[in-house]
Amino acid sequence: MIGYVPQEKSVDRFMTGREHLELIAALYHLSGEEAKKRVQEALKLVELEEKADELVRNYSGGMKKKLDIACGLIPHPKIMFMDEPSLGLDVQSRLRIWEHIKDLKARGITILMSTNYLEEADQLCDRIAIIDSGKIRAIGSPLELKKGLGEDRILIELGQMASLKMKDLIEAIRRFEFVNEVHELQNTLEIWIKPQQDAFAALFQKVGNGHYPIQAIHYMRPSLEEVFIKHTGHKIEESPSNQGDSSTRAEN
């Protein structure tokens, strides 16, 4: 029922990829024909058929992680546990692992994984649990968690303005009902708003009609990083990760 892909590579560098999978099949007491079939299926799924009979010591980091995934697939699991599946991989290898995870999901396998890469959780997962100091701080879909912050952020970069004129503009913006906060950051206005369809147009019109010198405008939805900070009080890279007590758990 259960497959497992550990964080640390569990491969023996002096065995071939095929030998690894045959060993896993033997540990699950699969018959000769069934073992051969599942080994070939797993190799094909992770695109290691051509490298199956090479020693693992010649594999790249991405290939070793693919082999780990293939080992987890041998029992034909309904649930797959993955502990930081793309940790330490280069960008290209990470994207390939993401594609394999999406493929497993499409095949109907439920995947429960831990990750400290918030982009990974956002891209791959249907539900996310943010865990900090051993406690679940928030749980929901990526969209639900981001919407739960209740605010979008707009940055308006302005040209040089007299301080009095800037003050007048800030006061005018604060009068909008959808505006929660306004901060001035070196000729840039940071505006936190309640998500509203016509908010951007209304602000643009207010600044434009006042003939203020607009350099650029940026509209940003909340990110998972902001969700993490909101619920834990710190950035994920500031977590005591060496103790393993702050991370993101995610489910496909």
Protein backbone atom coordinates (compact mmCIF):
# COMPACT_ATOMS: atom_id res chain seq x y z
CA MET A 1 0.00 0.00 0.00
CA ILE A 2 2.86 2.38 0.84
CA GLY A 3 5.97 3.51 -1.03
CA TYR A 4 8.76 5.61 0.47
CA VAL A 5 11.36 7.96 -1.02
CA PRO A 6 13.85 9.08 1.66
CA GLN A 7 15.61 12.44 1.83
CA GLU A 8 19.08 10.91 1.75
CA LYS A 9 19.91 8.79 -1.27
CA SER A 10 19.44 5.18 -0.25
CA VAL A 11 21.36 3.74 -3.20
CA ASP A 12 24.51 1.59 -3.22
CA ARG A 13 27.05 3.10 -5.60
CA PHE A 14 28.53 -0.33 -6.44
CA MET A 15 25.23 -1.78 -7.68
CA THR A 16 23.44 -1.07 -10.95
CA GLY A 17 20.08 0.64 -11.10
CA ARG A 18 18.42 -2.60 -12.12
CA GLU A 19 20.03 -4.50 -9.25
CA HIS A 20 18.61 -1.99 -6.79
CA LEU A 21 15.09 -2.51 -8.09
CA GLU A 22 15.49 -6.31 -8.15
CA LEU A 23 16.60 -6.21 -4.51
CA ILE A 24 13.53 -4.15 -3.53
CA ALA A 25 11.29 -6.58 -5.44
CA ALA A 26 12.86 -9.51 -3.56
CA LEU A 27 12.28 -7.78 -0.22
CA TYR A 28 8.58 -7.52 -1.15
CA HIS A 29 8.57 -11.27 -1.98
CA LEU A 30 7.50 -10.71 -5.58
CA SER A 31 7.63 -13.70 -7.93
CA GLY A 32 10.28 -13.76 -10.67
CA GLU A 33 7.97 -12.74 -13.51
CA GLU A 34 6.12 -10.12 -11.47
CA ALA A 35 9.41 -8.66 -10.20
CA LYS A 36 10.82 -8.43 -13.73
CA LYS A 37 7.64 -6.71 -14.95
CA ARG A 38 7.57 -4.15 -12.13
CA VAL A 39 11.28 -3.38 -12.43
CA GLN A 40 10.86 -2.65 -16.12
CA GLU A 41 7.76 -0.51 -15.49
CA ALA A 42 9.56 1.54 -12.84
CA LEU A 43 12.65 2.07 -15.02
CA LYS A 44 10.47 3.25 -17.89
CA LEU A 45 8.43 5.59 -15.70
CA VAL A 46 11.52 7.43 -14.40
CA GLU A 47 13.33 7.28 -17.76
CA LEU A 48 16.26 5.16 -16.60
CA GLU A 49 15.91 2.26 -19.05
CA GLU A 50 19.09 3.13 -20.95
CA LYS A 51 21.11 3.55 -17.73
CA ALA A 52 19.60 0.58 -15.86
CA ASP A 53 22.71 -1.62 -16.10
CA GLU A 54 25.26 1.06 -15.25
CA LEU A 55 26.78 1.32 -11.77
CA VAL A 56 25.02 3.92 -9.65
CA ARG A 57 28.36 5.59 -8.85
CA ASN A 58 28.21 6.93 -12.42
CA TYR A 59 24.73 8.42 -11.96
CA SER A 60 24.13 12.15 -11.54
CA GLY A 61 22.28 13.45 -8.46
CA GLY A 62 19.06 13.70 -10.45
CA MET A 63 19.39 10.12 -11.72
CA LYS A 64 19.95 8.82 -8.18
CA LYS A 65 16.79 10.59 -7.04
CA LYS A 66 14.90 9.05 -9.98
CA LEU A 67 16.17 5.64 -8.85
CA ASP A 68 14.92 6.35 -5.33
CA ILE A 69 11.49 7.12 -6.78
CA ALA A 70 11.59 3.92 -8.84
CA CYS A 71 12.40 1.92 -5.68
CA GLY A 72 9.37 3.43 -3.97
CA LEU A 73 7.17 2.39 -6.91
CA ILE A 74 8.05 -1.32 -6.87
CA PRO A 75 5.22 -2.33 -4.48
CA HIS A 76 2.64 -0.50 -6.65
CA PRO A 77 1.72 1.80 -3.74
CA LYS A 78 -1.51 3.70 -3.34
CA ILE A 79 0.29 6.20 -1.09
CA MET A 80 3.82 7.52 -1.61
CA PHE A 81 5.78 9.29 1.14
CA MET A 82 8.52 11.61 -0.14
CA ASP A 83 10.98 13.35 2.18
CA GLU A 84 12.21 16.52 0.39
CA PRO A 85 12.25 14.88 -3.07
CA SER A 86 14.26 17.59 -4.85
CA LEU A 87 16.64 18.63 -2.06
CA GLY A 88 20.11 19.52 -3.34
CA LEU A 89 19.26 19.10 -7.03
CA ASP A 90 20.08 21.63 -9.75
CA VAL A 91 17.20 23.52 -11.35
CA GLN A 92 16.85 21.24 -14.39
CA SER A 93 16.91 18.05 -12.30
CA ARG A 94 14.40 19.55 -9.89
CA LEU A 95 11.98 20.36 -12.71
CA ARG A 96 12.29 16.79 -14.05
CA ILE A 97 11.50 15.37 -10.61
CA TRP A 98 8.46 17.68 -10.47
CA GLU A 99 7.26 16.22 -13.76
CA HIS A 100 7.63 12.69 -12.40
CA ILE A 101 5.64 13.62 -9.29
CA LYS A 102 2.89 15.11 -11.46
CA ASP A 103 2.84 11.89 -13.49
CA LEU A 104 2.47 9.79 -10.34
CA LYS A 105 -0.39 12.01 -9.23
CA ALA A 106 -2.09 11.57 -12.63
CA ARG A 107 -1.83 7.80 -12.13
CA GLY A 108 -3.93 8.09 -8.97
CA ILE A 109 -1.16 7.78 -6.38
CA THR A 110 -1.62 9.94 -3.27
CA ILE A 111 1.67 11.67 -2.44
CA LEU A 112 2.53 13.01 1.00
CA MET A 113 5.78 14.97 0.93
CA SER A 114 7.79 17.30 3.11
CA THR A 115 9.57 20.23 1.52
CA ASN A 116 11.24 23.50 2.47
CA TYR A 117 10.83 24.80 -1.10
CA LEU A 118 7.63 26.84 -1.00
CA GLU A 119 7.56 27.11 -4.80
CA GLU A 120 7.61 23.31 -4.96
CA ALA A 121 4.63 23.06 -2.62
CA ASP A 122 2.76 25.75 -4.58
CA GLN A 123 3.39 24.04 -7.93
CA LEU A 124 2.70 20.43 -6.99
CA CYS A 125 0.29 20.19 -4.10
CA ASP A 126 -3.46 20.15 -3.65
CA ARG A 127 -3.25 20.67 0.14
CA ILE A 128 -0.52 22.13 2.29
CA ALA A 129 0.11 22.01 6.02
CA ILE A 130 2.58 24.52 7.46
CA ILE A 131 4.34 22.96 10.46
CA ASP A 132 6.46 24.99 12.88
CA SER A 133 7.96 23.73 16.15
CA GLY A 134 6.03 20.49 15.77
CA LYS A 135 2.61 22.14 15.42
CA ILE A 136 0.37 22.62 12.37
CA ARG A 137 0.00 26.39 12.01
CA ALA A 138 -2.20 26.40 8.88
CA ILE A 139 -3.67 23.90 6.46
CA GLY A 140 -5.50 24.23 3.13
CA SER A 141 -5.00 24.45 -0.62
CA PRO A 142 -2.33 26.88 -1.86
CA LEU A 143 -5.07 29.22 -3.10
CA GLU A 144 -7.03 29.03 0.18
CA LEU A 145 -3.93 29.79 2.24
CA LYS A 146 -3.00 32.79 0.09
CA LYS A 147 -6.56 34.12 0.02
CA GLY A 148 -6.68 33.67 3.79
CA LEU A 149 -4.28 36.58 4.22
CA GLY A 150 -7.07 38.78 2.87
CA GLU A 151 -4.75 41.30 1.26
CA ASP A 152 -3.09 42.02 -2.08
CA ARG A 153 -0.15 44.40 -2.41
CA ILE A 154 0.32 47.19 -4.95
CA LEU A 155 3.62 49.05 -5.37
CA ILE A 156 3.51 52.42 -7.15
CA GLU A 157 6.96 53.77 -8.04
CA LEU A 158 6.88 57.56 -8.38
CA GLY A 159 9.32 60.17 -9.62
CA GLN A 160 10.74 62.85 -7.34
CA MET A 161 7.93 64.62 -5.48
CA ALA A 162 7.68 67.30 -2.82
CA SER A 163 6.95 65.78 0.58
CA LEU A 164 3.71 67.78 0.88
CA LYS A 165 2.44 66.48 -2.45
CA MET A 166 3.31 62.90 -1.42
CA LYS A 167 1.41 63.39 1.83
CA ASP A 168 -1.67 64.60 -0.06
CA LEU A 169 -1.54 61.53 -2.33
CA ILE A 170 -1.25 59.13 0.61
CA GLU A 171 -4.23 60.72 2.34
CA ALA A 172 -6.30 60.46 -0.86
CA ILE A 173 -5.44 56.77 -1.25
CA ARG A 174 -6.32 56.00 2.36
CA ARG A 175 -9.87 57.20 1.73
CA PHE A 176 -10.62 54.18 -0.47
CA GLU A 177 -12.63 51.61 1.49
CA PHE A 178 -10.62 48.71 0.06
CA VAL A 179 -7.27 50.14 1.26
CA ASN A 180 -5.94 48.66 4.51
CA GLU A 181 -2.50 50.27 4.79
CA VAL A 182 -0.24 52.67 2.88
CA HIS A 183 3.51 52.97 3.42
CA GLU A 184 6.03 55.28 1.76
CA LEU A 185 9.30 53.58 0.80
CA GLN A 186 11.71 56.00 -0.93
CA ASN A 187 9.29 57.44 -3.53
CA THR A 188 7.45 54.13 -3.72
CA LEU A 189 4.01 53.63 -2.20
CA GLU A 190 3.31 50.19 -0.76
CA ILE A 191 -0.46 49.75 -0.62
CA TRP A 192 -2.14 46.78 1.06
CA ILE A 193 -5.69 46.27 -0.18
CA LYS A 194 -8.64 43.95 0.22
CA PRO A 195 -8.92 41.95 -3.04
CA GLN A 196 -11.42 43.85 -5.20
CA GLN A 197 -12.01 43.76 -8.95
CA ASP A 198 -11.77 47.49 -9.64
CA ALA A 199 -9.14 48.36 -7.00
CA PHE A 200 -6.22 48.59 -9.41
CA ALA A 201 -8.14 50.78 -11.89
CA ALA A 202 -9.36 53.09 -9.13
CA LEU A 203 -5.86 53.63 -7.75
CA PHE A 204 -4.37 54.12 -11.19
CA GLN A 205 -7.03 56.72 -11.99
CA LYS A 206 -6.50 58.55 -8.69
CA VAL A 207 -2.73 58.82 -9.22
CA GLY A 208 -3.01 59.58 -12.93
CA ASN A 209 -5.67 62.26 -12.58
CA GLY A 210 -3.53 63.96 -9.95
CA HIS A 211 -0.68 64.15 -12.47
CA TYR A 212 1.72 62.38 -10.17
CA PRO A 213 4.89 61.11 -11.95
CA ILE A 214 4.30 57.33 -12.20
CA GLN A 215 7.42 55.28 -13.03
CA ALA A 216 5.95 51.79 -12.60
CA ILE A 217 3.11 49.90 -10.92
CA HIS A 218 3.30 46.35 -9.60
CA TYR A 219 0.30 44.29 -8.46
CA MET A 220 1.17 41.28 -6.31
CA ARG A 221 -0.93 38.47 -4.93
CA PRO A 222 0.15 37.00 -1.58
CA SER A 223 2.83 34.32 -1.86
CA LEU A 224 3.23 31.14 0.17
CA GLU A 225 6.30 32.74 1.75
CA GLU A 226 4.07 35.53 3.10
CA VAL A 227 1.61 32.89 4.33
CA PHE A 228 4.46 31.08 6.10
CA ILE A 229 5.69 34.29 7.76
CA LYS A 230 2.14 35.23 8.78
CA HIS A 231 1.58 31.94 10.59
CA THR A 232 5.06 31.34 12.04
CA GLY A 233 6.51 34.82 12.55
CA HIS A 234 9.69 34.08 10.61
CA LYS A 235 10.98 33.21 7.13
CA ILE A 236 11.45 29.54 6.31
CA GLU A 237 15.23 29.96 5.94
CA GLU A 238 15.29 31.30 9.50
CA SER A 239 13.71 28.11 10.81
CA PRO A 240 15.79 25.82 13.05
CA SER A 241 16.00 23.35 10.16
CA ASN A 242 18.95 21.53 11.66
CA GLN A 243 16.48 20.26 14.25
CA GLY A 244 13.93 19.37 11.60
CA ASP A 245 11.04 21.06 13.40
CA SER A 246 9.89 23.63 10.86
CA SER A 247 8.78 22.73 7.36
CA THR A 248 5.94 22.40 4.95
CA ARG A 249 3.99 19.19 4.59
CA ALA A 250 2.10 18.86 1.36
CA GLU A 251 -0.26 16.38 -0.20
CA ASN A 252 -1.03 15.59 -3.83
